[in-house]
Each structure stands twice: as C-alpha cells, then as structure tokens.
C-alpha cells in the first residue's frame, strides 16, 4: 500500500531511454492514457518512438511526441511498460495506470493506492 499526502499527486519513477527521474504526477481520472510529461523534456528524451495527434479542449488538433518507457509508483516496486506523451506543462497520470489498482481519494487529504 502507498499513501500520498500530496493530494491529488502520486510519486512516480519514470524511465525513458537513458532518462530517469522521480516526479510527482497529478492523478487525472478523466484522462484514459498512461502518462503525460511536460513538452520541455523532449530535449532530454531525444527522438520519439511515435508522433500522435491530440484534440485539445478548444477543439484544435496538435501533434505530440510519444515515447515507450517504464513507470513505477514509488513504494509499489512494480515496473509497468507505458506510452508516455510529451505535451503541455504538467505530469499527468491517467486511467490506463490507476485502473490497475484500488485507488482511494480520501476526503481531499490523501491518496491511498493498493494492488
């Protein structure tokens, strides 16, 4: 079990090629993908594995760079192969990851994750 008191963020360890980092990611139950990372990271990440199109809230379409990597929720010691998209300015964790676990949003105070 992992408890995060940085509600609604969760500490992750990500690996993309030779890039490794521990990051706090916002848990977004409305995002059905894996993980979004800030676009400024593409300088460190290098060439993407894929390029994808995303529709933004205003209806516009933008291209984003996608990378294959691994993600671990710090404290669970489980590496998950994921598709990571570089777009925007935030780290956002989506349903393709959190649906694997029992996730409890505890009164706006903490997030509890269990296998």
PDB file of N, CA and C in Angstrom:
ATOM      1  N   UNK A   1       0.844  -1.181   0.000  1.00  0.00           N
ATOM      2  CA  UNK A   1       0.000   0.000   0.000  1.00  0.00           C
ATOM      3  C   UNK A   1       0.888   1.243   0.000  1.00  0.00           C
ATOM      4  N   UNK A   2       0.465   2.247  -0.742  1.00  0.00           N
ATOM      5  CA  UNK A   2       1.163   3.532  -0.803  1.00  0.00           C
ATOM      6  C   UNK A   2       0.177   4.622  -0.401  1.00  0.00           C
ATOM      7  N   UNK A   3       0.636   5.542   0.431  1.00  0.00           N
ATOM      8  CA  UNK A   3      -0.185   6.682   0.834  1.00  0.00           C
ATOM      9  C   UNK A   3       0.538   7.956   0.424  1.00  0.00           C
ATOM     10  N   UNK A   4      -0.138   8.796  -0.342  1.00  0.00           N
ATOM     11  CA  UNK A   4       0.409  10.095  -0.734  1.00  0.00           C
ATOM     12  C   UNK A   4      -0.374  11.185  -0.019  1.00  0.00           C
ATOM     13  N   UNK A   5       0.346  12.021   0.718  1.00  0.00           N
ATOM     14  CA  UNK A   5      -0.288  13.151   1.392  1.00  0.00           C
ATOM     15  C   UNK A   5      -0.226  14.415   0.537  1.00  0.00           C
ATOM     16  N   UNK A   6       0.283  14.269  -0.676  1.00  0.00           N
ATOM     17  CA  UNK A   6       0.335  15.389  -1.628  1.00  0.00           C
ATOM     18  C   UNK A   6      -0.873  15.310  -2.551  1.00  0.00           C
ATOM     19  N   UNK A   7      -2.036  15.248  -1.990  1.00  0.00           N
ATOM     20  CA  UNK A   7      -3.293  15.078  -2.723  1.00  0.00           C
ATOM     21  C   UNK A   7      -3.463  16.153  -3.789  1.00  0.00           C
ATOM     22  N   UNK A   8      -3.833  15.840  -5.020  1.00  0.00           N
ATOM     23  CA  UNK A   8      -4.060  14.549  -5.649  1.00  0.00           C
ATOM     24  C   UNK A   8      -2.876  14.101  -6.510  1.00  0.00           C
ATOM     25  N   UNK A   9      -1.701  14.150  -5.954  1.00  0.00           N
ATOM     26  CA  UNK A   9      -0.487  13.767  -6.676  1.00  0.00           C
ATOM     27  C   UNK A   9       0.044  12.437  -6.159  1.00  0.00           C
ATOM     28  N   UNK A  10       0.790  11.747  -7.032  1.00  0.00           N
ATOM     29  CA  UNK A  10       1.397  10.475  -6.697  1.00  0.00           C
ATOM     30  C   UNK A  10       2.843  10.513  -7.171  1.00  0.00           C
ATOM     31  N   UNK A  11       3.764  10.016  -6.346  1.00  0.00           N
ATOM     32  CA  UNK A  11       5.180   9.995  -6.722  1.00  0.00           C
ATOM     33  C   UNK A  11       5.445   8.819  -7.650  1.00  0.00           C
ATOM     34  N   UNK A  12       6.058   9.125  -8.800  1.00  0.00           N
ATOM     35  CA  UNK A  12       6.373   8.120  -9.806  1.00  0.00           C
ATOM     36  C   UNK A  12       7.863   8.122 -10.089  1.00  0.00           C
ATOM     37  N   UNK A  13       8.348   6.983 -10.558  1.00  0.00           N
ATOM     38  CA  UNK A  13       9.706   6.871 -11.085  1.00  0.00           C
ATOM     39  C   UNK A  13       9.541   6.483 -12.549  1.00  0.00           C
ATOM     40  N   UNK A  14      10.046   7.326 -13.458  1.00  0.00           N
ATOM     41  CA  UNK A  14       9.890   7.030 -14.883  1.00  0.00           C
ATOM     42  C   UNK A  14      11.252   6.828 -15.535  1.00  0.00           C
ATOM     43  N   UNK A  15      11.268   5.954 -16.531  1.00  0.00           N
ATOM     44  CA  UNK A  15      12.462   5.706 -17.328  1.00  0.00           C
ATOM     45  C   UNK A  15      12.054   5.751 -18.790  1.00  0.00           C
ATOM     46  N   UNK A  16      12.738   6.607 -19.545  1.00  0.00           N
ATOM     47  CA  UNK A  16      12.529   6.710 -20.987  1.00  0.00           C
ATOM     48  C   UNK A  16      13.920   6.731 -21.603  1.00  0.00           C
ATOM     49  N   UNK A  17      14.277   5.665 -22.321  1.00  0.00           N
ATOM     50  CA  UNK A  17      15.633   5.527 -22.859  1.00  0.00           C
ATOM     51  C   UNK A  17      16.625   5.666 -21.706  1.00  0.00           C
ATOM     52  N   UNK A  18      17.572   6.596 -21.767  1.00  0.00           N
ATOM     53  CA  UNK A  18      18.544   6.767 -20.677  1.00  0.00           C
ATOM     54  C   UNK A  18      18.073   7.785 -19.633  1.00  0.00           C
ATOM     55  N   UNK A  19      16.924   8.399 -19.845  1.00  0.00           N
ATOM     56  CA  UNK A  19      16.384   9.386 -18.912  1.00  0.00           C
ATOM     57  C   UNK A  19      15.671   8.678 -17.766  1.00  0.00           C
ATOM     58  N   UNK A  20      16.044   9.040 -16.532  1.00  0.00           N
ATOM     59  CA  UNK A  20      15.381   8.507 -15.331  1.00  0.00           C
ATOM     60  C   UNK A  20      15.073   9.661 -14.403  1.00  0.00           C
ATOM     61  N   UNK A  21      13.882   9.630 -13.817  1.00  0.00           N
ATOM     62  CA  UNK A  21      13.517  10.721 -12.914  1.00  0.00           C
ATOM     63  C   UNK A  21      12.390  10.294 -11.978  1.00  0.00           C
ATOM     64  N   UNK A  22      12.418  10.821 -10.772  1.00  0.00           N
ATOM     65  CA  UNK A  22      11.290  10.709  -9.849  1.00  0.00           C
ATOM     66  C   UNK A  22      10.486  11.992  -9.975  1.00  0.00           C
ATOM     67  N   UNK A  23       9.175  11.836 -10.147  1.00  0.00           N
ATOM     68  CA  UNK A  23       8.328  13.011 -10.380  1.00  0.00           C
ATOM     69  C   UNK A  23       7.008  12.873  -9.630  1.00  0.00           C
ATOM     70  N   UNK A  24       6.414  13.987  -9.215  1.00  0.00           N
ATOM     71  CA  UNK A  24       5.047  13.939  -8.697  1.00  0.00           C
ATOM     72  C   UNK A  24       4.089  14.153  -9.871  1.00  0.00           C
ATOM     73  N   UNK A  25       3.137  13.248 -10.041  1.00  0.00           N
ATOM     74  CA  UNK A  25       2.187  13.357 -11.152  1.00  0.00           C
ATOM     75  C   UNK A  25       0.774  13.564 -10.621  1.00  0.00           C
ATOM     76  N   UNK A  26       0.054  14.447 -11.277  1.00  0.00           N
ATOM     77  CA  UNK A  26      -1.350  14.723 -10.964  1.00  0.00           C
ATOM     78  C   UNK A  26      -2.199  13.550 -11.447  1.00  0.00           C
ATOM     79  N   UNK A  27      -3.044  13.009 -10.601  1.00  0.00           N
ATOM     80  CA  UNK A  27      -3.922  11.903 -10.981  1.00  0.00           C
ATOM     81  C   UNK A  27      -5.168  12.487 -11.640  1.00  0.00           C
ATOM     82  N   UNK A  28      -5.371  12.144 -12.915  1.00  0.00           N
ATOM     83  CA  UNK A  28      -6.495  12.682 -13.682  1.00  0.00           C
ATOM     84  C   UNK A  28      -7.419  11.539 -14.088  1.00  0.00           C
ATOM     85  N   UNK A  29      -8.534  11.386 -13.390  1.00  0.00           N
ATOM     86  CA  UNK A  29      -9.468  10.298 -13.687  1.00  0.00           C
ATOM     87  C   UNK A  29     -10.224  10.509 -14.996  1.00  0.00           C
ATOM     88  N   UNK A  30     -10.079  11.672 -15.607  1.00  0.00           N
ATOM     89  CA  UNK A  30     -10.711  11.943 -16.890  1.00  0.00           C
ATOM     90  C   UNK A  30      -9.797  11.687 -18.075  1.00  0.00           C
ATOM     91  N   UNK A  31      -8.551  11.304 -17.811  1.00  0.00           N
ATOM     92  CA  UNK A  31      -7.569  11.026 -18.865  1.00  0.00           C
ATOM     93  C   UNK A  31      -7.396   9.517 -18.960  1.00  0.00           C
ATOM     94  N   UNK A  32      -7.696   8.937 -20.128  1.00  0.00           N
ATOM     95  CA  UNK A  32      -7.648   7.482 -20.240  1.00  0.00           C
ATOM     96  C   UNK A  32      -6.305   6.936 -20.718  1.00  0.00           C
ATOM     97  N   UNK A  33      -5.319   7.780 -20.917  1.00  0.00           N
ATOM     98  CA  UNK A  33      -3.991   7.333 -21.320  1.00  0.00           C
ATOM     99  C   UNK A  33      -3.137   6.926 -20.131  1.00  0.00           C
ATOM    100  N   UNK A  34      -1.835   6.795 -20.384  1.00  0.00           N
ATOM    101  CA  UNK A  34      -0.888   6.373 -19.353  1.00  0.00           C
ATOM    102  C   UNK A  34      -0.319   7.571 -18.593  1.00  0.00           C
ATOM    103  N   UNK A  35       0.581   8.299 -19.263  1.00  0.00           N
ATOM    104  CA  UNK A  35       1.281   9.392 -18.591  1.00  0.00           C
ATOM    105  C   UNK A  35       1.589  10.495 -19.590  1.00  0.00           C
ATOM    106  N   UNK A  36       1.347  11.720 -19.171  1.00  0.00           N
ATOM    107  CA  UNK A  36       1.756  12.903 -19.929  1.00  0.00           C
ATOM    108  C   UNK A  36       2.900  13.548 -19.163  1.00  0.00           C
ATOM    109  N   UNK A  37       3.942  13.941 -19.896  1.00  0.00           N
ATOM    110  CA  UNK A  37       5.059  14.679 -19.304  1.00  0.00           C
ATOM    111  C   UNK A  37       5.167  16.027 -20.005  1.00  0.00           C
ATOM    112  N   UNK A  38       5.779  17.018 -19.353  1.00  0.00           N
ATOM    113  CA  UNK A  38       5.900  18.336 -19.981  1.00  0.00           C
ATOM    114  C   UNK A  38       6.700  18.284 -21.284  1.00  0.00           C
ATOM    115  N   UNK A  39       6.265  19.090 -22.210  1.00  0.00           N
ATOM    116  CA  UNK A  39       6.868  19.127 -23.542  1.00  0.00           C
ATOM    117  C   UNK A  39       8.344  19.522 -23.520  1.00  0.00           C
ATOM    118  N   UNK A  40       8.760  20.306 -22.525  1.00  0.00           N
ATOM    119  CA  UNK A  40      10.162  20.735 -22.470  1.00  0.00           C
ATOM    120  C   UNK A  40      11.130  19.558 -22.302  1.00  0.00           C
ATOM    121  N   UNK A  41      10.641  18.396 -21.886  1.00  0.00           N
ATOM    122  CA  UNK A  41      11.511  17.238 -21.686  1.00  0.00           C
ATOM    123  C   UNK A  41      12.008  16.613 -22.983  1.00  0.00           C
ATOM    124  N   UNK A  42      11.396  16.942 -24.126  1.00  0.00           N
ATOM    125  CA  UNK A  42      11.816  16.310 -25.382  1.00  0.00           C
ATOM    126  C   UNK A  42      13.286  16.579 -25.680  1.00  0.00           C
ATOM    127  N   UNK A  43      13.825  17.666 -25.171  1.00  0.00           N
ATOM    128  CA  UNK A  43      15.251  17.964 -25.364  1.00  0.00           C
ATOM    129  C   UNK A  43      16.095  16.858 -24.742  1.00  0.00           C
ATOM    130  N   UNK A  44      15.707  16.384 -23.562  1.00  0.00           N
ATOM    131  CA  UNK A  44      16.442  15.321 -22.877  1.00  0.00           C
ATOM    132  C   UNK A  44      16.069  13.929 -23.381  1.00  0.00           C
ATOM    133  N   UNK A  45      14.849  13.768 -23.870  1.00  0.00           N
ATOM    134  CA  UNK A  45      14.356  12.452 -24.263  1.00  0.00           C
ATOM    135  C   UNK A  45      14.807  12.027 -25.652  1.00  0.00           C
ATOM    136  N   UNK A  46      15.120  12.973 -26.507  1.00  0.00           N
ATOM    137  CA  UNK A  46      15.573  12.648 -27.853  1.00  0.00           C
ATOM    138  C   UNK A  46      14.427  12.349 -28.806  1.00  0.00           C
ATOM    139  N   UNK A  47      14.743  11.566 -29.825  1.00  0.00           N
ATOM    140  CA  UNK A  47      13.764  11.246 -30.864  1.00  0.00           C
ATOM    141  C   UNK A  47      12.622  10.415 -30.291  1.00  0.00           C
ATOM    142  N   UNK A  48      11.393  10.753 -30.648  1.00  0.00           N
ATOM    143  CA  UNK A  48      10.246   9.990 -30.134  1.00  0.00           C
ATOM    144  C   UNK A  48      10.102   8.647 -30.840  1.00  0.00           C
ATOM    145  N   UNK A  49       9.401   7.737 -30.188  1.00  0.00           N
ATOM    146  CA  UNK A  49       9.068   6.455 -30.810  1.00  0.00           C
ATOM    147  C   UNK A  49       7.879   6.602 -31.751  1.00  0.00           C
ATOM    148  N   UNK A  50       7.009   7.549 -31.443  1.00  0.00           N
ATOM    149  CA  UNK A  50       5.809   7.807 -32.243  1.00  0.00           C
ATOM    150  C   UNK A  50       5.487   9.296 -32.206  1.00  0.00           C
ATOM    151  N   UNK A  51       4.669   9.721 -33.153  1.00  0.00           N
ATOM    152  CA  UNK A  51       4.073  11.055 -33.112  1.00  0.00           C
ATOM    153  C   UNK A  51       2.564  10.836 -33.156  1.00  0.00           C
ATOM    154  N   UNK A  52       1.843  11.481 -32.249  1.00  0.00           N
ATOM    155  CA  UNK A  52       0.395  11.289 -32.175  1.00  0.00           C
ATOM    156  C   UNK A  52      -0.317  12.628 -32.288  1.00  0.00           C
ATOM    157  N   UNK A  53      -1.588  12.568 -32.615  1.00  0.00           N
ATOM    158  CA  UNK A  53      -2.413  13.779 -32.671  1.00  0.00           C
ATOM    159  C   UNK A  53      -3.345  13.792 -31.472  1.00  0.00           C
ATOM    160  N   UNK A  54      -3.490  14.977 -30.873  1.00  0.00           N
ATOM    161  CA  UNK A  54      -4.345  15.160 -29.701  1.00  0.00           C
ATOM    162  C   UNK A  54      -5.331  16.281 -29.976  1.00  0.00           C
ATOM    163  N   UNK A  55      -6.575  16.069 -29.564  1.00  0.00           N
ATOM    164  CA  UNK A  55      -7.567  17.136 -29.653  1.00  0.00           C
ATOM    165  C   UNK A  55      -7.633  17.841 -28.305  1.00  0.00           C
ATOM    166  N   UNK A  56      -7.420  19.136 -28.313  1.00  0.00           N
ATOM    167  CA  UNK A  56      -7.441  19.932 -27.093  1.00  0.00           C
ATOM    168  C   UNK A  56      -8.864  20.355 -26.746  1.00  0.00           C
ATOM    169  N   UNK A  57      -9.029  20.920 -25.570  1.00  0.00           N
ATOM    170  CA  UNK A  57     -10.341  21.336 -25.088  1.00  0.00           C
ATOM    171  C   UNK A  57     -11.039  22.332 -25.991  1.00  0.00           C
ATOM    172  N   UNK A  58     -10.252  23.132 -26.722  1.00  0.00           N
ATOM    173  CA  UNK A  58     -10.853  24.125 -27.616  1.00  0.00           C
ATOM    174  C   UNK A  58     -11.156  23.564 -29.002  1.00  0.00           C
ATOM    175  N   UNK A  59     -10.921  22.243 -29.173  1.00  0.00           N
ATOM    176  CA  UNK A  59     -11.208  21.601 -30.449  1.00  0.00           C
ATOM    177  C   UNK A  59     -10.043  21.577 -31.420  1.00  0.00           C
ATOM    178  N   UNK A  60      -8.962  22.280 -31.110  1.00  0.00           N
ATOM    179  CA  UNK A  60      -7.808  22.286 -32.006  1.00  0.00           C
ATOM    180  C   UNK A  60      -7.051  20.960 -31.905  1.00  0.00           C
ATOM    181  N   UNK A  61      -6.347  20.622 -32.978  1.00  0.00           N
ATOM    182  CA  UNK A  61      -5.558  19.393 -33.047  1.00  0.00           C
ATOM    183  C   UNK A  61      -4.081  19.770 -33.003  1.00  0.00           C
ATOM    184  N   UNK A  62      -3.317  19.079 -32.128  1.00  0.00           N
ATOM    185  CA  UNK A  62      -1.876  19.315 -32.041  1.00  0.00           C
ATOM    186  C   UNK A  62      -1.152  17.981 -32.119  1.00  0.00           C
ATOM    187  N   UNK A  63       0.104  18.031 -32.576  1.00  0.00           N
ATOM    188  CA  UNK A  63       0.941  16.840 -32.590  1.00  0.00           C
ATOM    189  C   UNK A  63       1.734  16.774 -31.300  1.00  0.00           C
ATOM    190  N   UNK A  64       1.941  15.545 -30.823  1.00  0.00           N
ATOM    191  CA  UNK A  64       2.729  15.328 -29.614  1.00  0.00           C
ATOM    192  C   UNK A  64       3.713  14.196 -29.865  1.00  0.00           C
ATOM    193  N   UNK A  65       4.816  14.228 -29.144  1.00  0.00           N
ATOM    194  CA  UNK A  65       5.822  13.182 -29.262  1.00  0.00           C
ATOM    195  C   UNK A  65       5.568  12.129 -28.192  1.00  0.00           C
ATOM    196  N   UNK A  66       5.568  10.864 -28.614  1.00  0.00           N
ATOM    197  CA  UNK A  66       5.303   9.741 -27.714  1.00  0.00           C
ATOM    198  C   UNK A  66       6.553   8.877 -27.573  1.00  0.00           C
ATOM    199  N   UNK A  67       6.760   8.396 -26.360  1.00  0.00           N
ATOM    200  CA  UNK A  67       7.925   7.580 -26.033  1.00  0.00           C
ATOM    201  C   UNK A  67       7.473   6.311 -25.331  1.00  0.00           C
ATOM    202  N   UNK A  68       8.194   5.217 -25.572  1.00  0.00           N
ATOM    203  CA  UNK A  68       7.963   3.995 -24.822  1.00  0.00           C
ATOM    204  C   UNK A  68       8.909   4.009 -23.632  1.00  0.00           C
ATOM    205  N   UNK A  69       8.392   3.689 -22.469  1.00  0.00           N
ATOM    206  CA  UNK A  69       9.215   3.710 -21.267  1.00  0.00           C
ATOM    207  C   UNK A  69       8.595   2.859 -20.181  1.00  0.00           C
ATOM    208  N   UNK A  70       9.123   3.017 -18.969  1.00  0.00           N
ATOM    209  CA  UNK A  70       8.566   2.310 -17.824  1.00  0.00           C
ATOM    210  C   UNK A  70       8.216   3.308 -16.736  1.00  0.00           C
ATOM    211  N   UNK A  71       7.273   2.897 -15.924  1.00  0.00           N
ATOM    212  CA  UNK A  71       6.770   3.736 -14.843  1.00  0.00           C
ATOM    213  C   UNK A  71       6.628   2.857 -13.607  1.00  0.00           C
ATOM    214  N   UNK A  72       6.993   3.410 -12.466  1.00  0.00           N
ATOM    215  CA  UNK A  72       6.794   2.730 -11.188  1.00  0.00           C
ATOM    216  C   UNK A  72       6.156   3.713 -10.221  1.00  0.00           C
ATOM    217  N   UNK A  73       5.093   3.300  -9.556  1.00  0.00           N
ATOM    218  CA  UNK A  73       4.557   4.094  -8.456  1.00  0.00           C
ATOM    219  C   UNK A  73       5.496   3.859  -7.286  1.00  0.00           C
ATOM    220  N   UNK A  74       6.145   4.913  -6.812  1.00  0.00           N
ATOM    221  CA  UNK A  74       7.147   4.769  -5.763  1.00  0.00           C
ATOM    222  C   UNK A  74       6.492   4.125  -4.543  1.00  0.00           C
ATOM    223  N   UNK A  75       7.074   3.007  -4.118  1.00  0.00           N
ATOM    224  CA  UNK A  75       6.555   2.262  -2.978  1.00  0.00           C
ATOM    225  C   UNK A  75       5.884   0.958  -3.356  1.00  0.00           C
ATOM    226  N   UNK A  76       5.513   0.793  -4.628  1.00  0.00           N
ATOM    227  CA  UNK A  76       4.865  -0.448  -5.058  1.00  0.00           C
ATOM    228  C   UNK A  76       5.825  -1.417  -5.731  1.00  0.00           C
ATOM    229  N   UNK A  77       6.989  -0.951  -6.154  1.00  0.00           N
ATOM    230  CA  UNK A  77       8.026  -1.798  -6.751  1.00  0.00           C
ATOM    231  C   UNK A  77       7.502  -2.670  -7.892  1.00  0.00           C
ATOM    232  N   UNK A  78       6.765  -2.061  -8.799  1.00  0.00           N
ATOM    233  CA  UNK A  78       6.265  -2.745  -9.987  1.00  0.00           C
ATOM    234  C   UNK A  78       6.516  -1.850 -11.192  1.00  0.00           C
ATOM    235  N   UNK A  79       7.364  -2.319 -12.121  1.00  0.00           N
ATOM    236  CA  UNK A  79       7.623  -1.562 -13.343  1.00  0.00           C
ATOM    237  C   UNK A  79       6.560  -1.896 -14.383  1.00  0.00           C
ATOM    238  N   UNK A  80       5.960  -0.859 -14.943  1.00  0.00           N
ATOM    239  CA  UNK A  80       4.902  -1.020 -15.937  1.00  0.00           C
ATOM    240  C   UNK A  80       5.378  -0.386 -17.239  1.00  0.00           C
ATOM    241  N   UNK A  81       5.304  -1.136 -18.332  1.00  0.00           N
ATOM    242  CA  UNK A  81       5.646  -0.572 -19.635  1.00  0.00           C
ATOM    243  C   UNK A  81       4.515   0.342 -20.075  1.00  0.00           C
ATOM    244  N   UNK A  82       4.880   1.563 -20.473  1.00  0.00           N
ATOM    245  CA  UNK A  82       3.871   2.576 -20.778  1.00  0.00           C
ATOM    246  C   UNK A  82       4.240   3.367 -22.025  1.00  0.00           C
ATOM    247  N   UNK A  83       3.234   4.020 -22.569  1.00  0.00           N
ATOM    248  CA  UNK A  83       3.419   5.001 -23.640  1.00  0.00           C
ATOM    249  C   UNK A  83       3.294   6.370 -22.987  1.00  0.00           C
ATOM    250  N   UNK A  84       4.336   7.170 -23.114  1.00  0.00           N
ATOM    251  CA  UNK A  84       4.438   8.455 -22.437  1.00  0.00           C
ATOM    252  C   UNK A  84       4.396   9.554 -23.486  1.00  0.00           C
ATOM    253  N   UNK A  85       3.498  10.506 -23.298  1.00  0.00           N
ATOM    254  CA  UNK A  85       3.299  11.581 -24.264  1.00  0.00           C
ATOM    255  C   UNK A  85       3.837  12.890 -23.715  1.00  0.00           C
ATOM    256  N   UNK A  86       4.650  13.574 -24.516  1.00  0.00           N
ATOM    257  CA  UNK A  86       5.192  14.887 -24.144  1.00  0.00           C
ATOM    258  C   UNK A  86       4.305  15.965 -24.758  1.00  0.00           C
ATOM    259  N   UNK A  87       3.504  16.589 -23.903  1.00  0.00           N
ATOM    260  CA  UNK A  87       2.602  17.651 -24.348  1.00  0.00           C
ATOM    261  C   UNK A  87       2.239  18.498 -23.124  1.00  0.00           C
ATOM    262  N   UNK A  88       2.109  19.772 -23.311  1.00  0.00           N
ATOM    263  CA  UNK A  88       1.714  20.635 -22.196  1.00  0.00           C
ATOM    264  C   UNK A  88       2.850  20.923 -21.234  1.00  0.00           C
ATOM    265  N   UNK A  89       2.495  21.217 -19.983  1.00  0.00           N
ATOM    266  CA  UNK A  89       3.486  21.661 -18.997  1.00  0.00           C
ATOM    267  C   UNK A  89       3.445  20.882 -17.685  1.00  0.00           C
ATOM    268  N   UNK A  90       2.621  19.821 -17.613  1.00  0.00           N
ATOM    269  CA  UNK A  90       2.448  19.108 -16.345  1.00  0.00           C
ATOM    270  C   UNK A  90       2.679  17.608 -16.501  1.00  0.00           C
ATOM    271  N   UNK A  91       2.943  16.950 -15.368  1.00  0.00           N
ATOM    272  CA  UNK A  91       2.983  15.493 -15.302  1.00  0.00           C
ATOM    273  C   UNK A  91       1.580  15.028 -14.914  1.00  0.00           C
ATOM    274  N   UNK A  92       0.946  14.224 -15.782  1.00  0.00           N
ATOM    275  CA  UNK A  92      -0.433  13.794 -15.554  1.00  0.00           C
ATOM    276  C   UNK A  92      -0.518  12.276 -15.697  1.00  0.00           C
ATOM    277  N   UNK A  93      -1.007  11.623 -14.660  1.00  0.00           N
ATOM    278  CA  UNK A  93      -1.162  10.173 -14.629  1.00  0.00           C
ATOM    279  C   UNK A  93      -2.604   9.819 -14.967  1.00  0.00           C
ATOM    280  N   UNK A  94      -2.772   8.886 -15.920  1.00  0.00           N
ATOM    281  CA  UNK A  94      -4.109   8.569 -16.404  1.00  0.00           C
ATOM    282  C   UNK A  94      -4.651   7.221 -15.975  1.00  0.00           C
ATOM    283  N   UNK A  95      -5.853   6.942 -16.449  1.00  0.00           N
ATOM    284  CA  UNK A  95      -6.598   5.747 -16.062  1.00  0.00           C
ATOM    285  C   UNK A  95      -5.950   4.446 -16.518  1.00  0.00           C
ATOM    286  N   UNK A  96      -5.159   4.474 -17.583  1.00  0.00           N
ATOM    287  CA  UNK A  96      -4.506   3.238 -18.018  1.00  0.00           C
ATOM    288  C   UNK A  96      -3.559   2.702 -16.948  1.00  0.00           C
ATOM    289  N   UNK A  97      -3.139   3.549 -16.030  1.00  0.00           N
ATOM    290  CA  UNK A  97      -2.325   3.107 -14.894  1.00  0.00           C
ATOM    291  C   UNK A  97      -3.191   2.919 -13.656  1.00  0.00           C
ATOM    292  N   UNK A  98      -3.951   3.924 -13.278  1.00  0.00           N
ATOM    293  CA  UNK A  98      -4.647   3.845 -11.987  1.00  0.00           C
ATOM    294  C   UNK A  98      -5.758   2.794 -11.969  1.00  0.00           C
ATOM    295  N   UNK A  99      -6.260   2.399 -13.138  1.00  0.00           N
ATOM    296  CA  UNK A  99      -7.278   1.347 -13.170  1.00  0.00           C
ATOM    297  C   UNK A  99      -6.714  -0.024 -12.794  1.00  0.00           C
ATOM    298  N   UNK A 100      -5.403  -0.151 -12.694  1.00  0.00           N
ATOM    299  CA  UNK A 100      -4.765  -1.406 -12.284  1.00  0.00           C
ATOM    300  C   UNK A 100      -4.809  -1.610 -10.770  1.00  0.00           C
ATOM    301  N   UNK A 101      -5.179  -0.566 -10.054  1.00  0.00           N
ATOM    302  CA  UNK A 101      -5.087  -0.573  -8.591  1.00  0.00           C
ATOM    303  C   UNK A 101      -6.405  -0.150  -7.957  1.00  0.00           C
ATOM    304  N   UNK A 102      -6.491  -0.391  -6.660  1.00  0.00           N
ATOM    305  CA  UNK A 102      -7.562   0.179  -5.852  1.00  0.00           C
ATOM    306  C   UNK A 102      -7.065   1.559  -5.430  1.00  0.00           C
ATOM    307  N   UNK A 103      -7.768   2.598  -5.837  1.00  0.00           N
ATOM    308  CA  UNK A 103      -7.350   3.974  -5.554  1.00  0.00           C
ATOM    309  C   UNK A 103      -8.428   4.639  -4.710  1.00  0.00           C
ATOM    310  N   UNK A 104      -8.008   5.183  -3.572  1.00  0.00           N
ATOM    311  CA  UNK A 104      -8.940   5.863  -2.678  1.00  0.00           C
ATOM    312  C   UNK A 104      -8.520   7.318  -2.536  1.00  0.00           C
ATOM    313  N   UNK A 105      -9.403   8.215  -2.941  1.00  0.00           N
ATOM    314  CA  UNK A 105      -9.191   9.647  -2.730  1.00  0.00           C
ATOM    315  C   UNK A 105      -9.855   9.971  -1.396  1.00  0.00           C
ATOM    316  N   UNK A 106      -9.061  10.135  -0.367  1.00  0.00           N
ATOM    317  CA  UNK A 106      -9.559  10.227   1.000  1.00  0.00           C
ATOM    318  C   UNK A 106      -9.821  11.669   1.423  1.00  0.00           C
ATOM    319  N   UNK A 107     -11.063  12.123   1.210  1.00  0.00           N
ATOM    320  CA  UNK A 107     -11.548  13.422   1.687  1.00  0.00           C
ATOM    321  C   UNK A 107     -10.640  14.599   1.328  1.00  0.00           C
ATOM    322  N   UNK A 108     -10.013  14.556   0.173  1.00  0.00           N
ATOM    323  CA  UNK A 108      -9.158  15.664  -0.251  1.00  0.00           C
ATOM    324  C   UNK A 108      -7.899  15.809   0.573  1.00  0.00           C
ATOM    325  N   UNK A 109      -7.558  14.793   1.347  1.00  0.00           N
ATOM    326  CA  UNK A 109      -6.395  14.846   2.235  1.00  0.00           C
ATOM    327  C   UNK A 109      -5.235  14.000   1.739  1.00  0.00           C
ATOM    328  N   UNK A 110      -5.554  12.820   1.194  1.00  0.00           N
ATOM    329  CA  UNK A 110      -4.510  11.886   0.790  1.00  0.00           C
ATOM    330  C   UNK A 110      -5.047  10.948  -0.280  1.00  0.00           C
ATOM    331  N   UNK A 111      -4.109  10.266  -0.953  1.00  0.00           N
ATOM    332  CA  UNK A 111      -4.449   9.251  -1.946  1.00  0.00           C
ATOM    333  C   UNK A 111      -3.851   7.940  -1.449  1.00  0.00           C
ATOM    334  N   UNK A 112      -4.664   6.893  -1.426  1.00  0.00           N
ATOM    335  CA  UNK A 112      -4.202   5.578  -0.997  1.00  0.00           C
ATOM    336  C   UNK A 112      -4.279   4.646  -2.201  1.00  0.00           C
ATOM    337  N   UNK A 113      -3.167   3.947  -2.481  1.00  0.00           N
ATOM    338  CA  UNK A 113      -3.083   3.032  -3.619  1.00  0.00           C
ATOM    339  C   UNK A 113      -2.781   1.636  -3.085  1.00  0.00           C
ATOM    340  N   UNK A 114      -3.581   0.660  -3.518  1.00  0.00           N
ATOM    341  CA  UNK A 114      -3.342  -0.735  -3.162  1.00  0.00           C
ATOM    342  C   UNK A 114      -3.442  -1.587  -4.410  1.00  0.00           C
ATOM    343  N   UNK A 115      -2.703  -2.684  -4.409  1.00  0.00           N
ATOM    344  CA  UNK A 115      -2.781  -3.626  -5.531  1.00  0.00           C
ATOM    345  C   UNK A 115      -4.099  -4.339  -5.509  1.00  0.00           C
TER     346      UNK A 115
END
